[in-house]
Amino acid sequence: MTAILQLPPLSGSLTIVNNADFLQAWEFTAGSPAAPIDLTGLSWRMQVRLASDPTQIGLDLSDDSGGLIPGGAAGTLTIWSPKEANRRLAPGAWVADVLARGDGLTINLFSSGPLAVTVVQGVTQCP
């Protein structure tokens, strides 16, 4: 049995600069006092799609690919996208969902609307 039904709905936005690695961690907690939600046994998927054309997938991240890194009992989920992948993202408006799977259920953590992702054109290029 996983804690999938304890996961809270999320909202918000991310900014990715397309000339650098992207690293963002979320912490899932519940209760009072707040304690980490154990993410053990859950699998994760996230697609970043062009807002004006959702058939255009810019990033396809999962725990299998290493783009989503669950922290188990620590209750963290880290998004990791290297600069090589981010270089392919055109500056502008993108959207994403984050799906958690476990116990035969799939939950969209951004159920009230997609995560807004803004891609910014980076200036300095590193070899």
Protein backbone atom coordinates (compact mmCIF):
# COMPACT_ATOMS: atom_id res chain seq x y z
CA MET A 1 0.00 0.00 0.00
CA THR A 2 1.35 3.44 -0.94
CA ALA A 3 0.51 6.94 0.26
CA ILE A 4 -0.86 7.99 -3.14
CA LEU A 5 -4.16 9.19 -1.64
CA GLN A 6 -2.28 11.48 0.75
CA LEU A 7 -0.66 13.50 -2.06
CA PRO A 8 -1.98 17.09 -2.11
CA PRO A 9 -3.08 18.88 -5.27
CA LEU A 10 -0.43 21.30 -6.54
CA SER A 11 -0.48 24.63 -8.37
CA GLY A 12 2.19 27.04 -9.45
CA SER A 13 4.80 27.65 -12.09
CA LEU A 14 8.39 26.87 -13.07
CA THR A 15 10.98 28.79 -15.08
CA ILE A 16 13.57 26.89 -17.09
CA VAL A 17 16.54 28.73 -18.59
CA ASN A 18 17.45 26.84 -21.76
CA ASN A 19 21.23 27.17 -21.45
CA ALA A 20 21.58 25.49 -18.05
CA ASP A 21 20.66 22.40 -16.07
CA PHE A 22 17.30 22.54 -14.29
CA LEU A 23 16.93 21.17 -10.77
CA GLN A 24 13.85 21.67 -8.60
CA ALA A 25 12.79 19.73 -5.50
CA TRP A 26 9.32 19.53 -4.01
CA GLU A 27 8.63 18.31 -0.48
CA PHE A 28 5.35 16.56 0.29
CA THR A 29 4.16 16.78 3.90
CA ALA A 30 0.96 16.14 5.83
CA GLY A 31 -0.34 16.46 9.36
CA SER A 32 0.37 18.76 12.25
CA PRO A 33 3.20 18.99 12.92
CA ALA A 34 4.06 18.46 9.26
CA ALA A 35 5.73 15.15 8.51
CA PRO A 36 7.05 13.88 5.15
CA ILE A 37 4.68 11.75 3.05
CA ASP A 38 6.46 8.49 2.21
CA LEU A 39 6.68 8.30 -1.60
CA THR A 40 8.01 4.72 -1.59
CA GLY A 41 6.32 2.52 -4.18
CA LEU A 42 5.03 5.37 -6.37
CA SER A 43 6.09 5.90 -9.97
CA TRP A 44 6.19 9.33 -11.63
CA ARG A 45 5.77 10.92 -15.07
CA MET A 46 5.88 14.51 -16.32
CA GLN A 47 5.66 15.89 -19.85
CA VAL A 48 6.45 19.50 -20.69
CA ARG A 49 4.41 20.49 -23.74
CA LEU A 50 4.22 23.68 -25.80
CA ALA A 51 1.21 25.66 -24.52
CA SER A 52 0.15 26.72 -28.02
CA ASP A 53 0.48 23.17 -29.46
CA PRO A 54 0.15 20.39 -26.88
CA THR A 55 1.23 17.79 -29.46
CA GLN A 56 4.77 19.22 -29.16
CA ILE A 57 6.56 17.49 -26.26
CA GLY A 58 9.68 19.35 -25.11
CA LEU A 59 10.60 17.15 -22.13
CA ASP A 60 9.38 13.69 -21.19
CA LEU A 61 10.54 12.97 -17.63
CA SER A 62 9.96 9.96 -15.42
CA ASP A 63 11.48 8.12 -12.51
CA ASP A 64 12.57 5.42 -14.99
CA SER A 65 14.53 7.96 -17.07
CA GLY A 66 16.06 9.73 -14.06
CA GLY A 67 14.27 13.01 -14.80
CA LEU A 68 12.05 12.62 -11.74
CA ILE A 69 13.84 11.47 -8.62
CA PRO A 70 11.61 10.33 -5.74
CA GLY A 71 13.05 10.64 -2.26
CA GLY A 72 11.11 7.76 -0.68
CA ALA A 73 10.45 8.23 3.03
CA ALA A 74 11.95 11.75 2.90
CA GLY A 75 8.87 12.88 0.94
CA THR A 76 10.75 14.70 -1.83
CA LEU A 77 10.39 14.65 -5.59
CA THR A 78 13.20 16.23 -7.58
CA ILE A 79 12.88 17.33 -11.20
CA TRP A 80 16.17 17.06 -13.12
CA SER A 81 16.68 18.14 -16.72
CA PRO A 82 20.22 18.60 -18.12
CA LYS A 83 21.16 21.58 -20.26
CA GLU A 84 21.46 19.34 -23.33
CA ALA A 85 17.72 18.62 -23.12
CA ASN A 86 16.80 22.20 -22.17
CA ARG A 87 18.62 23.61 -25.22
CA ARG A 88 15.89 22.03 -27.38
CA LEU A 89 13.18 24.10 -25.64
CA ALA A 90 12.13 27.22 -27.49
CA PRO A 91 11.63 30.27 -25.27
CA GLY A 92 8.00 30.88 -24.40
CA ALA A 93 5.02 29.35 -22.66
CA TRP A 94 4.89 25.63 -21.93
CA VAL A 95 2.65 23.51 -19.67
CA ALA A 96 3.06 20.27 -17.74
CA ASP A 97 1.28 17.74 -15.58
CA VAL A 98 2.87 15.56 -12.93
CA LEU A 99 1.36 12.10 -12.62
CA ALA A 100 1.85 9.77 -9.66
CA ARG A 101 1.00 6.07 -10.02
CA GLY A 102 0.51 3.49 -7.29
CA ASP A 103 -1.99 0.96 -5.96
CA GLY A 104 -3.69 0.81 -9.37
CA LEU A 105 -4.38 4.56 -9.36
CA THR A 106 -2.98 7.42 -11.43
CA ILE A 107 -3.30 10.90 -9.92
CA ASN A 108 -2.60 14.20 -11.70
CA LEU A 109 -1.10 16.46 -9.02
CA PHE A 110 -2.06 19.54 -11.09
CA SER A 111 -5.72 18.55 -11.40
CA SER A 112 -7.06 22.12 -11.35
CA GLY A 113 -4.97 23.14 -14.36
CA PRO A 114 -1.55 22.43 -15.80
CA LEU A 115 1.70 23.59 -14.27
CA ALA A 116 2.77 26.76 -16.11
CA VAL A 117 6.33 26.46 -17.41
CA THR A 118 8.15 29.47 -18.82
CA VAL A 119 11.26 28.81 -20.87
CA VAL A 120 13.72 31.70 -20.94
CA GLN A 121 16.44 32.10 -23.56
CA GLY A 122 19.83 31.76 -21.89
CA VAL A 123 22.64 34.03 -23.02
CA THR A 124 25.97 32.61 -21.83
CA GLN A 125 26.92 29.30 -23.42
CA CYS A 126 29.24 26.88 -21.62
CA PRO A 127 31.08 24.19 -23.52
